[in-house]
Amino acid sequence: MHSVQNNMQMTAAAPRLRQPKLNTKKKMIIYITLAAVYLLAVLIAGLLMDPALYGVHYEDKFLAPSLAHPFGTDFMGRDMFWRSIKGLSNSIIIGLAASAVSSIIALILGIVAAVAGGVVDRAINWLVDCCMGLPHLVLLMLISYMMGRGGFGVAFAVAVTHWTELTRLVRAEVLQVKNTQYVKAAQKMGHSKFKVAKDHLVPHVMPVYLTGLILLFPHAIMHEASLTFLGFGFSASTPAIGGILSEAMKHIVTGKWWLCLFPGLILLIAVMLFDVIGEKLRMLMNPGSSEQ
């Protein structure tokens, strides 16, 4: 009698044990969707925004946060809410462009290093070591300054310095699949290295590549903000979170706390949301990684 009851209890508990896995997957998708919707809304709002919304109004300078001005106003009477949204939108654009270019560089170099081997592999590894051995922020400042600063200078600097770690990941993935049976069979059939890489290696590394691409975004956004804060990025006339925070430092000692609090918060939220998207995608593509 007891054995029958135990079997019935185990049978009833079985669906309950499987349910959390389904819920976890759904939660990941919901997290990714909400984060993507928020970031996309900020991006579109910044692109379509009327410049008059964050224009100069000296009669409204240094107003504390209120219903009319949720983030307050700055020393020129500019609405900090709309100025922050526009600045974050500019940061997202720079992050997207720089991350896309940097990830493509990493994909090409990683595959070439693993497939070619020998001198080419050693040369690419040496280049990676050189880039990673230099102080990152100093390298960003030098490149941005050489490229004339501004939006193009900071985008170029971020794009050409964020490919190193992803290059190593792609190379490691390609080396794993390089010696598999189906790759060897394709090589014996006379397929060129380019065709083998296009048909077999690239599809295999795409999950790692896409996850690495998304995880590059928060780094790119933070470094863009850092460069602008230090004066090597956007000009003062262009809304940018780094520039807003730099201006706020001049007035925070006088009690204008809202000038740095709210712009810093929305930058932090954007960076964390990009990180959430990347981590959840990694867990969806490789469920075993969430258990490590």
C-alpha atoms as a PDB file:
ATOM      1  CA  MET A   1       0.000   0.000   0.000  1.00  0.00           C
ATOM      2  CA  HIS A   2       2.807   2.369   0.924  1.00  0.00           C
ATOM      3  CA  SER A   3       4.669   1.571  -2.310  1.00  0.00           C
ATOM      4  CA  VAL A   4       1.574   2.391  -4.374  1.00  0.00           C
ATOM      5  CA  GLN A   5       1.185   5.727  -2.590  1.00  0.00           C
ATOM      6  CA  ASN A   6       4.861   6.516  -3.098  1.00  0.00           C
ATOM      7  CA  ASN A   7       4.603   5.757  -6.819  1.00  0.00           C
ATOM      8  CA  MET A   8       1.549   8.000  -7.094  1.00  0.00           C
ATOM      9  CA  GLN A   9       3.366  10.809  -5.276  1.00  0.00           C
ATOM     10  CA  MET A  10       6.433  10.446  -7.529  1.00  0.00           C
ATOM     11  CA  THR A  11       4.216  10.447 -10.617  1.00  0.00           C
ATOM     12  CA  ALA A  12       2.435  13.583  -9.433  1.00  0.00           C
ATOM     13  CA  ALA A  13       5.731  15.277  -8.579  1.00  0.00           C
ATOM     14  CA  ALA A  14       7.342  14.529 -11.945  1.00  0.00           C
ATOM     15  CA  PRO A  15       5.603  17.352 -13.851  1.00  0.00           C
ATOM     16  CA  ARG A  16       6.423  19.733 -11.024  1.00  0.00           C
ATOM     17  CA  LEU A  17      10.118  18.950 -11.382  1.00  0.00           C
ATOM     18  CA  ARG A  18      10.029  19.664 -15.105  1.00  0.00           C
ATOM     19  CA  GLN A  19       8.006  22.859 -14.784  1.00  0.00           C
ATOM     20  CA  PRO A  20      10.761  25.154 -13.394  1.00  0.00           C
ATOM     21  CA  LYS A  21      12.926  24.515 -16.471  1.00  0.00           C
ATOM     22  CA  LEU A  22      10.136  25.758 -18.736  1.00  0.00           C
ATOM     23  CA  ASN A  23       9.516  28.735 -16.449  1.00  0.00           C
ATOM     24  CA  THR A  24      13.215  29.579 -16.380  1.00  0.00           C
ATOM     25  CA  LYS A  25      13.391  29.631 -20.167  1.00  0.00           C
ATOM     26  CA  LYS A  26      10.282  31.793 -20.394  1.00  0.00           C
ATOM     27  CA  LYS A  27      11.675  34.169 -17.793  1.00  0.00           C
ATOM     28  CA  MET A  28      14.905  34.520 -19.774  1.00  0.00           C
ATOM     29  CA  ILE A  29      12.943  35.366 -22.919  1.00  0.00           C
ATOM     30  CA  ILE A  30      10.844  37.907 -20.989  1.00  0.00           C
ATOM     31  CA  TYR A  31      13.981  39.525 -19.521  1.00  0.00           C
ATOM     32  CA  ILE A  32      15.597  39.760 -22.951  1.00  0.00           C
ATOM     33  CA  THR A  33      12.423  41.186 -24.522  1.00  0.00           C
ATOM     34  CA  LEU A  34      11.866  43.828 -21.830  1.00  0.00           C
ATOM     35  CA  ALA A  35      15.505  44.912 -21.879  1.00  0.00           C
ATOM     36  CA  ALA A  36      15.556  45.100 -25.685  1.00  0.00           C
ATOM     37  CA  VAL A  37      12.274  47.082 -25.776  1.00  0.00           C
ATOM     38  CA  TYR A  38      13.596  49.628 -23.267  1.00  0.00           C
ATOM     39  CA  LEU A  39      16.887  50.134 -25.115  1.00  0.00           C
ATOM     40  CA  LEU A  40      15.150  50.305 -28.485  1.00  0.00           C
ATOM     41  CA  ALA A  41      12.664  52.867 -27.126  1.00  0.00           C
ATOM     42  CA  VAL A  42      15.535  55.057 -25.870  1.00  0.00           C
ATOM     43  CA  LEU A  43      17.326  54.738 -29.208  1.00  0.00           C
ATOM     44  CA  ILE A  44      14.261  55.650 -31.286  1.00  0.00           C
ATOM     45  CA  ALA A  45      13.268  58.484 -28.925  1.00  0.00           C
ATOM     46  CA  GLY A  46      16.726  59.995 -29.269  1.00  0.00           C
ATOM     47  CA  LEU A  47      16.742  59.695 -33.056  1.00  0.00           C
ATOM     48  CA  LEU A  48      13.303  61.290 -33.479  1.00  0.00           C
ATOM     49  CA  MET A  49      13.652  63.891 -30.721  1.00  0.00           C
ATOM     50  CA  ASP A  50      13.066  67.563 -31.453  1.00  0.00           C
ATOM     51  CA  PRO A  51      16.193  69.536 -30.403  1.00  0.00           C
ATOM     52  CA  ALA A  52      13.902  72.161 -28.899  1.00  0.00           C
ATOM     53  CA  LEU A  53      13.081  69.742 -26.076  1.00  0.00           C
ATOM     54  CA  TYR A  54      16.612  70.087 -24.666  1.00  0.00           C
ATOM     55  CA  GLY A  55      17.203  73.626 -25.899  1.00  0.00           C
ATOM     56  CA  VAL A  56      18.605  76.549 -23.906  1.00  0.00           C
ATOM     57  CA  HIS A  57      16.258  78.443 -21.548  1.00  0.00           C
ATOM     58  CA  TYR A  58      18.298  80.641 -19.229  1.00  0.00           C
ATOM     59  CA  GLU A  59      15.236  81.666 -17.261  1.00  0.00           C
ATOM     60  CA  ASP A  60      14.842  78.024 -16.121  1.00  0.00           C
ATOM     61  CA  LYS A  61      18.422  77.325 -15.056  1.00  0.00           C
ATOM     62  CA  PHE A  62      19.156  75.060 -12.071  1.00  0.00           C
ATOM     63  CA  LEU A  63      15.565  74.009 -11.476  1.00  0.00           C
ATOM     64  CA  ALA A  64      15.242  71.021  -9.135  1.00  0.00           C
ATOM     65  CA  PRO A  65      13.437  67.865 -10.347  1.00  0.00           C
ATOM     66  CA  SER A  66       9.680  68.386 -10.733  1.00  0.00           C
ATOM     67  CA  LEU A  67       6.756  67.169 -12.817  1.00  0.00           C
ATOM     68  CA  ALA A  68       7.644  69.661 -15.554  1.00  0.00           C
ATOM     69  CA  HIS A  69      11.335  68.705 -15.454  1.00  0.00           C
ATOM     70  CA  PRO A  70      11.727  65.163 -13.999  1.00  0.00           C
ATOM     71  CA  PHE A  71      15.546  65.360 -14.046  1.00  0.00           C
ATOM     72  CA  GLY A  72      15.720  69.105 -13.333  1.00  0.00           C
ATOM     73  CA  THR A  73      17.573  71.622 -15.517  1.00  0.00           C
ATOM     74  CA  ASP A  74      21.249  72.555 -15.888  1.00  0.00           C
ATOM     75  CA  PHE A  75      23.139  75.865 -15.782  1.00  0.00           C
ATOM     76  CA  MET A  76      21.730  76.827 -19.207  1.00  0.00           C
ATOM     77  CA  GLY A  77      18.163  75.855 -18.387  1.00  0.00           C
ATOM     78  CA  ARG A  78      18.255  72.754 -20.571  1.00  0.00           C
ATOM     79  CA  ASP A  79      15.861  69.976 -19.592  1.00  0.00           C
ATOM     80  CA  MET A  80      18.045  67.199 -18.190  1.00  0.00           C
ATOM     81  CA  PHE A  81      15.534  64.442 -18.874  1.00  0.00           C
ATOM     82  CA  TRP A  82      15.421  64.967 -22.629  1.00  0.00           C
ATOM     83  CA  ARG A  83      19.114  65.832 -22.773  1.00  0.00           C
ATOM     84  CA  SER A  84      19.960  62.595 -20.948  1.00  0.00           C
ATOM     85  CA  ILE A  85      17.736  60.519 -23.238  1.00  0.00           C
ATOM     86  CA  LYS A  86      19.373  62.093 -26.291  1.00  0.00           C
ATOM     87  CA  GLY A  87      22.833  61.528 -24.819  1.00  0.00           C
ATOM     88  CA  LEU A  88      22.093  57.887 -24.005  1.00  0.00           C
ATOM     89  CA  SER A  89      20.735  57.397 -27.527  1.00  0.00           C
ATOM     90  CA  ASN A  90      23.999  58.750 -28.946  1.00  0.00           C
ATOM     91  CA  SER A  91      25.940  56.392 -26.673  1.00  0.00           C
ATOM     92  CA  ILE A  92      23.870  53.409 -27.841  1.00  0.00           C
ATOM     93  CA  ILE A  93      24.491  54.315 -31.496  1.00  0.00           C
ATOM     94  CA  ILE A  94      28.244  54.507 -30.866  1.00  0.00           C
ATOM     95  CA  GLY A  95      28.110  51.238 -28.933  1.00  0.00           C
ATOM     96  CA  LEU A  96      26.206  49.420 -31.672  1.00  0.00           C
ATOM     97  CA  ALA A  97      28.460  50.649 -34.471  1.00  0.00           C
ATOM     98  CA  ALA A  98      31.724  50.090 -32.618  1.00  0.00           C
ATOM     99  CA  SER A  99      30.698  46.655 -31.316  1.00  0.00           C
ATOM    100  CA  ALA A 100      29.597  45.502 -34.773  1.00  0.00           C
ATOM    101  CA  VAL A 101      32.914  46.515 -36.360  1.00  0.00           C
ATOM    102  CA  SER A 102      34.968  45.135 -33.485  1.00  0.00           C
ATOM    103  CA  SER A 103      33.134  41.791 -33.493  1.00  0.00           C
ATOM    104  CA  ILE A 104      33.603  41.365 -37.249  1.00  0.00           C
ATOM    105  CA  ILE A 105      37.346  41.973 -36.805  1.00  0.00           C
ATOM    106  CA  ALA A 106      37.381  39.368 -34.026  1.00  0.00           C
ATOM    107  CA  LEU A 107      35.452  36.825 -36.121  1.00  0.00           C
ATOM    108  CA  ILE A 108      37.795  37.165 -39.112  1.00  0.00           C
ATOM    109  CA  LEU A 109      41.026  37.129 -37.102  1.00  0.00           C
ATOM    110  CA  GLY A 110      39.892  34.255 -34.877  1.00  0.00           C
ATOM    111  CA  ILE A 111      38.967  32.027 -37.818  1.00  0.00           C
ATOM    112  CA  VAL A 112      42.080  32.945 -39.817  1.00  0.00           C
ATOM    113  CA  ALA A 113      44.365  32.251 -36.840  1.00  0.00           C
ATOM    114  CA  ALA A 114      42.823  28.829 -36.164  1.00  0.00           C
ATOM    115  CA  VAL A 115      42.591  27.727 -39.821  1.00  0.00           C
ATOM    116  CA  ALA A 116      45.929  29.053 -41.083  1.00  0.00           C
ATOM    117  CA  GLY A 117      47.988  28.155 -38.008  1.00  0.00           C
ATOM    118  CA  GLY A 118      51.776  28.474 -38.000  1.00  0.00           C
ATOM    119  CA  VAL A 119      53.204  31.938 -38.540  1.00  0.00           C
ATOM    120  CA  VAL A 120      49.795  33.532 -39.113  1.00  0.00           C
ATOM    121  CA  ASP A 121      48.449  32.160 -35.848  1.00  0.00           C
ATOM    122  CA  ARG A 122      51.496  33.344 -33.927  1.00  0.00           C
ATOM    123  CA  ALA A 123      51.311  36.797 -35.524  1.00  0.00           C
ATOM    124  CA  ILE A 124      47.636  37.252 -34.619  1.00  0.00           C
ATOM    125  CA  ASN A 125      48.239  36.008 -31.062  1.00  0.00           C
ATOM    126  CA  TRP A 126      51.152  38.442 -30.754  1.00  0.00           C
ATOM    127  CA  LEU A 127      48.908  41.290 -31.949  1.00  0.00           C
ATOM    128  CA  VAL A 128      46.247  40.300 -29.413  1.00  0.00           C
ATOM    129  CA  ASP A 129      48.822  40.208 -26.609  1.00  0.00           C
ATOM    130  CA  CYS A 130      50.164  43.633 -27.600  1.00  0.00           C
ATOM    131  CA  CYS A 131      46.698  45.223 -27.572  1.00  0.00           C
ATOM    132  CA  MET A 132      45.756  43.610 -24.270  1.00  0.00           C
ATOM    133  CA  GLY A 133      49.090  44.551 -22.705  1.00  0.00           C
ATOM    134  CA  LEU A 134      48.591  48.291 -23.228  1.00  0.00           C
ATOM    135  CA  PRO A 135      46.551  50.355 -20.730  1.00  0.00           C
ATOM    136  CA  HIS A 136      43.132  50.258 -22.346  1.00  0.00           C
ATOM    137  CA  LEU A 137      41.882  53.740 -21.514  1.00  0.00           C
ATOM    138  CA  VAL A 138      45.183  55.340 -22.525  1.00  0.00           C
ATOM    139  CA  LEU A 139      45.045  53.524 -25.868  1.00  0.00           C
ATOM    140  CA  LEU A 140      41.472  54.716 -26.398  1.00  0.00           C
ATOM    141  CA  MET A 141      42.451  58.314 -25.649  1.00  0.00           C
ATOM    142  CA  LEU A 142      45.410  58.229 -28.048  1.00  0.00           C
ATOM    143  CA  ILE A 143      43.420  56.738 -30.921  1.00  0.00           C
ATOM    144  CA  SER A 144      40.469  59.079 -30.395  1.00  0.00           C
ATOM    145  CA  TYR A 145      42.789  62.099 -30.307  1.00  0.00           C
ATOM    146  CA  MET A 146      44.581  60.993 -33.496  1.00  0.00           C
ATOM    147  CA  MET A 147      41.225  60.575 -35.265  1.00  0.00           C
ATOM    148  CA  GLY A 148      40.098  64.083 -34.364  1.00  0.00           C
ATOM    149  CA  ARG A 149      37.928  63.188 -31.370  1.00  0.00           C
ATOM    150  CA  GLY A 150      34.190  63.747 -31.748  1.00  0.00           C
ATOM    151  CA  GLY A 151      31.714  60.997 -32.581  1.00  0.00           C
ATOM    152  CA  PHE A 152      33.858  59.423 -35.300  1.00  0.00           C
ATOM    153  CA  GLY A 153      37.029  59.512 -33.214  1.00  0.00           C
ATOM    154  CA  VAL A 154      35.492  57.792 -30.201  1.00  0.00           C
ATOM    155  CA  ALA A 155      33.637  55.232 -32.356  1.00  0.00           C
ATOM    156  CA  PHE A 156      36.838  54.385 -34.239  1.00  0.00           C
ATOM    157  CA  ALA A 157      38.831  54.094 -31.006  1.00  0.00           C
ATOM    158  CA  VAL A 158      36.310  51.739 -29.409  1.00  0.00           C
ATOM    159  CA  ALA A 159      35.910  49.667 -32.590  1.00  0.00           C
ATOM    160  CA  VAL A 160      39.614  48.928 -33.054  1.00  0.00           C
ATOM    161  CA  THR A 161      40.357  48.072 -29.417  1.00  0.00           C
ATOM    162  CA  HIS A 162      37.546  45.739 -28.308  1.00  0.00           C
ATOM    163  CA  TRP A 163      38.158  42.718 -30.534  1.00  0.00           C
ATOM    164  CA  THR A 164      40.936  40.986 -28.596  1.00  0.00           C
ATOM    165  CA  GLU A 165      39.040  38.807 -26.101  1.00  0.00           C
ATOM    166  CA  LEU A 166      36.404  37.773 -28.643  1.00  0.00           C
ATOM    167  CA  THR A 167      39.187  36.861 -31.078  1.00  0.00           C
ATOM    168  CA  ARG A 168      40.582  34.383 -28.560  1.00  0.00           C
ATOM    169  CA  LEU A 169      37.134  32.898 -27.921  1.00  0.00           C
ATOM    170  CA  VAL A 170      36.432  32.450 -31.649  1.00  0.00           C
ATOM    171  CA  ARG A 171      39.884  30.940 -32.206  1.00  0.00           C
ATOM    172  CA  ALA A 172      39.339  28.452 -29.370  1.00  0.00           C
ATOM    173  CA  GLU A 173      35.934  27.412 -30.758  1.00  0.00           C
ATOM    174  CA  VAL A 174      37.334  26.940 -34.266  1.00  0.00           C
ATOM    175  CA  LEU A 175      40.231  24.856 -32.955  1.00  0.00           C
ATOM    176  CA  GLN A 176      37.727  22.556 -31.238  1.00  0.00           C
ATOM    177  CA  VAL A 177      35.637  21.942 -34.344  1.00  0.00           C
ATOM    178  CA  LYS A 178      38.586  21.939 -36.749  1.00  0.00           C
ATOM    179  CA  ASN A 179      39.463  18.307 -36.027  1.00  0.00           C
ATOM    180  CA  THR A 180      35.919  16.921 -36.144  1.00  0.00           C
ATOM    181  CA  GLN A 181      35.016  14.191 -38.631  1.00  0.00           C
ATOM    182  CA  TYR A 182      32.741  16.283 -40.846  1.00  0.00           C
ATOM    183  CA  VAL A 183      35.394  18.988 -41.254  1.00  0.00           C
ATOM    184  CA  LYS A 184      38.035  16.395 -42.145  1.00  0.00           C
ATOM    185  CA  ALA A 185      35.607  14.811 -44.615  1.00  0.00           C
ATOM    186  CA  ALA A 186      35.013  18.180 -46.283  1.00  0.00           C
ATOM    187  CA  GLN A 187      38.764  18.724 -46.575  1.00  0.00           C
ATOM    188  CA  LYS A 188      39.292  15.268 -48.108  1.00  0.00           C
ATOM    189  CA  MET A 189      36.570  16.033 -50.657  1.00  0.00           C
ATOM    190  CA  GLY A 190      38.798  18.831 -51.946  1.00  0.00           C
ATOM    191  CA  HIS A 191      36.928  21.799 -50.495  1.00  0.00           C
ATOM    192  CA  SER A 192      39.032  24.929 -50.082  1.00  0.00           C
ATOM    193  CA  LYS A 193      39.821  26.352 -46.649  1.00  0.00           C
ATOM    194  CA  PHE A 194      37.508  29.266 -47.387  1.00  0.00           C
ATOM    195  CA  LYS A 195      34.585  26.965 -48.241  1.00  0.00           C
ATOM    196  CA  VAL A 196      35.214  24.796 -45.171  1.00  0.00           C
ATOM    197  CA  ALA A 197      35.282  27.882 -42.971  1.00  0.00           C
ATOM    198  CA  LYS A 198      32.119  29.333 -44.564  1.00  0.00           C
ATOM    199  CA  ASP A 199      30.079  26.118 -44.516  1.00  0.00           C
ATOM    200  CA  HIS A 200      31.261  24.464 -41.295  1.00  0.00           C
ATOM    201  CA  LEU A 201      33.314  26.722 -39.032  1.00  0.00           C
ATOM    202  CA  VAL A 202      31.350  29.989 -39.125  1.00  0.00           C
ATOM    203  CA  PRO A 203      27.951  28.374 -38.319  1.00  0.00           C
ATOM    204  CA  HIS A 204      29.544  26.567 -35.382  1.00  0.00           C
ATOM    205  CA  VAL A 205      31.000  29.714 -33.806  1.00  0.00           C
ATOM    206  CA  MET A 206      27.922  31.907 -34.383  1.00  0.00           C
ATOM    207  CA  PRO A 207      26.416  31.357 -30.882  1.00  0.00           C
ATOM    208  CA  VAL A 208      29.711  32.385 -29.266  1.00  0.00           C
ATOM    209  CA  TYR A 209      30.077  35.261 -31.713  1.00  0.00           C
ATOM    210  CA  LEU A 210      26.556  36.644 -31.145  1.00  0.00           C
ATOM    211  CA  THR A 211      26.861  36.402 -27.366  1.00  0.00           C
ATOM    212  CA  GLY A 212      30.264  38.084 -27.465  1.00  0.00           C
ATOM    213  CA  LEU A 213      28.881  40.794 -29.752  1.00  0.00           C
ATOM    214  CA  ILE A 214      26.099  41.679 -27.320  1.00  0.00           C
ATOM    215  CA  LEU A 215      28.443  41.599 -24.323  1.00  0.00           C
ATOM    216  CA  LEU A 216      30.671  44.102 -26.140  1.00  0.00           C
ATOM    217  CA  PHE A 217      27.906  46.721 -26.034  1.00  0.00           C
ATOM    218  CA  PRO A 218      28.171  47.645 -22.334  1.00  0.00           C
ATOM    219  CA  HIS A 219      31.956  47.944 -22.603  1.00  0.00           C
ATOM    220  CA  ALA A 220      31.646  50.144 -25.683  1.00  0.00           C
ATOM    221  CA  ILE A 221      29.034  52.408 -24.070  1.00  0.00           C
ATOM    222  CA  MET A 222      31.043  52.806 -20.864  1.00  0.00           C
ATOM    223  CA  HIS A 223      34.248  53.591 -22.742  1.00  0.00           C
ATOM    224  CA  GLU A 224      32.440  56.118 -24.956  1.00  0.00           C
ATOM    225  CA  ALA A 225      31.108  57.828 -21.831  1.00  0.00           C
ATOM    226  CA  SER A 226      34.580  57.730 -20.244  1.00  0.00           C
ATOM    227  CA  LEU A 227      36.254  59.292 -23.269  1.00  0.00           C
ATOM    228  CA  THR A 228      33.640  62.035 -23.507  1.00  0.00           C
ATOM    229  CA  PHE A 229      33.910  62.677 -19.761  1.00  0.00           C
ATOM    230  CA  LEU A 230      37.672  63.165 -20.144  1.00  0.00           C
ATOM    231  CA  GLY A 231      37.239  65.460 -23.160  1.00  0.00           C
ATOM    232  CA  PHE A 232      38.257  63.023 -25.913  1.00  0.00           C
ATOM    233  CA  GLY A 233      34.768  62.223 -27.221  1.00  0.00           C
ATOM    234  CA  PHE A 234      31.747  64.277 -28.230  1.00  0.00           C
ATOM    235  CA  SER A 235      31.961  68.059 -28.099  1.00  0.00           C
ATOM    236  CA  ALA A 236      30.184  69.960 -25.326  1.00  0.00           C
ATOM    237  CA  SER A 237      27.417  71.037 -27.728  1.00  0.00           C
ATOM    238  CA  THR A 238      26.426  67.431 -28.480  1.00  0.00           C
ATOM    239  CA  PRO A 239      24.331  65.678 -25.810  1.00  0.00           C
ATOM    240  CA  ALA A 240      26.320  62.769 -24.376  1.00  0.00           C
ATOM    241  CA  ILE A 241      26.195  61.140 -20.954  1.00  0.00           C
ATOM    242  CA  GLY A 242      29.935  61.556 -20.432  1.00  0.00           C
ATOM    243  CA  GLY A 243      29.742  65.245 -21.289  1.00  0.00           C
ATOM    244  CA  ILE A 244      26.702  65.749 -19.055  1.00  0.00           C
ATOM    245  CA  LEU A 245      28.505  64.144 -16.113  1.00  0.00           C
ATOM    246  CA  SER A 246      31.622  66.207 -16.799  1.00  0.00           C
ATOM    247  CA  GLU A 247      29.589  69.430 -16.700  1.00  0.00           C
ATOM    248  CA  ALA A 248      27.794  68.238 -13.563  1.00  0.00           C
ATOM    249  CA  MET A 249      31.099  67.902 -11.691  1.00  0.00           C
ATOM    250  CA  LYS A 250      31.463  71.695 -11.795  1.00  0.00           C
ATOM    251  CA  HIS A 251      28.160  72.262  -9.988  1.00  0.00           C
ATOM    252  CA  ILE A 252      27.694  69.252  -7.713  1.00  0.00           C
ATOM    253  CA  VAL A 253      29.552  70.980  -4.845  1.00  0.00           C
ATOM    254  CA  THR A 254      26.901  73.723  -4.905  1.00  0.00           C
ATOM    255  CA  GLY A 255      24.141  71.206  -4.172  1.00  0.00           C
ATOM    256  CA  LYS A 256      22.930  70.513  -7.730  1.00  0.00           C
ATOM    257  CA  TRP A 257      22.857  66.752  -7.111  1.00  0.00           C
ATOM    258  CA  TRP A 258      20.344  65.976  -9.877  1.00  0.00           C
ATOM    259  CA  LEU A 259      22.809  66.988 -12.590  1.00  0.00           C
ATOM    260  CA  CYS A 260      24.848  63.809 -12.091  1.00  0.00           C
ATOM    261  CA  LEU A 261      22.465  61.425 -10.301  1.00  0.00           C
ATOM    262  CA  PHE A 262      19.854  60.831 -12.999  1.00  0.00           C
ATOM    263  CA  PRO A 263      22.177  60.759 -16.064  1.00  0.00           C
ATOM    264  CA  GLY A 264      24.453  58.359 -14.204  1.00  0.00           C
ATOM    265  CA  LEU A 265      21.506  56.128 -13.285  1.00  0.00           C
ATOM    266  CA  ILE A 266      20.157  55.791 -16.824  1.00  0.00           C
ATOM    267  CA  LEU A 267      23.667  55.028 -18.099  1.00  0.00           C
ATOM    268  CA  LEU A 268      24.046  52.347 -15.424  1.00  0.00           C
ATOM    269  CA  ILE A 269      20.620  50.877 -16.264  1.00  0.00           C
ATOM    270  CA  ALA A 270      21.450  50.720 -19.992  1.00  0.00           C
ATOM    271  CA  VAL A 271      24.792  48.998 -19.330  1.00  0.00           C
ATOM    272  CA  MET A 272      23.171  46.491 -16.967  1.00  0.00           C
ATOM    273  CA  LEU A 273      20.378  45.735 -19.459  1.00  0.00           C
ATOM    274  CA  PHE A 274      22.868  45.005 -22.242  1.00  0.00           C
ATOM    275  CA  ASP A 275      24.684  42.714 -19.830  1.00  0.00           C
ATOM    276  CA  VAL A 276      21.397  40.975 -18.946  1.00  0.00           C
ATOM    277  CA  ILE A 277      20.607  40.392 -22.639  1.00  0.00           C
ATOM    278  CA  GLY A 278      24.064  38.942 -23.274  1.00  0.00           C
ATOM    279  CA  GLU A 279      24.046  36.670 -20.221  1.00  0.00           C
ATOM    280  CA  LYS A 280      20.505  35.383 -20.821  1.00  0.00           C
ATOM    281  CA  LEU A 281      21.262  34.694 -24.484  1.00  0.00           C
ATOM    282  CA  ARG A 282      24.401  32.820 -23.471  1.00  0.00           C
ATOM    283  CA  MET A 283      22.378  30.690 -21.070  1.00  0.00           C
ATOM    284  CA  LEU A 284      19.714  30.015 -23.719  1.00  0.00           C
ATOM    285  CA  MET A 285      22.264  29.017 -26.366  1.00  0.00           C
ATOM    286  CA  ASN A 286      24.334  26.974 -23.915  1.00  0.00           C
ATOM    287  CA  PRO A 287      22.065  25.769 -21.071  1.00  0.00           C
ATOM    288  CA  GLY A 288      24.938  23.915 -19.417  1.00  0.00           C
ATOM    289  CA  SER A 289      26.785  27.189 -18.797  1.00  0.00           C
ATOM    290  CA  SER A 290      24.138  28.306 -16.285  1.00  0.00           C
ATOM    291  CA  GLU A 291      25.015  25.376 -14.046  1.00  0.00           C
ATOM    292  CA  GLN A 292      28.705  26.191 -13.895  1.00  0.00           C
END
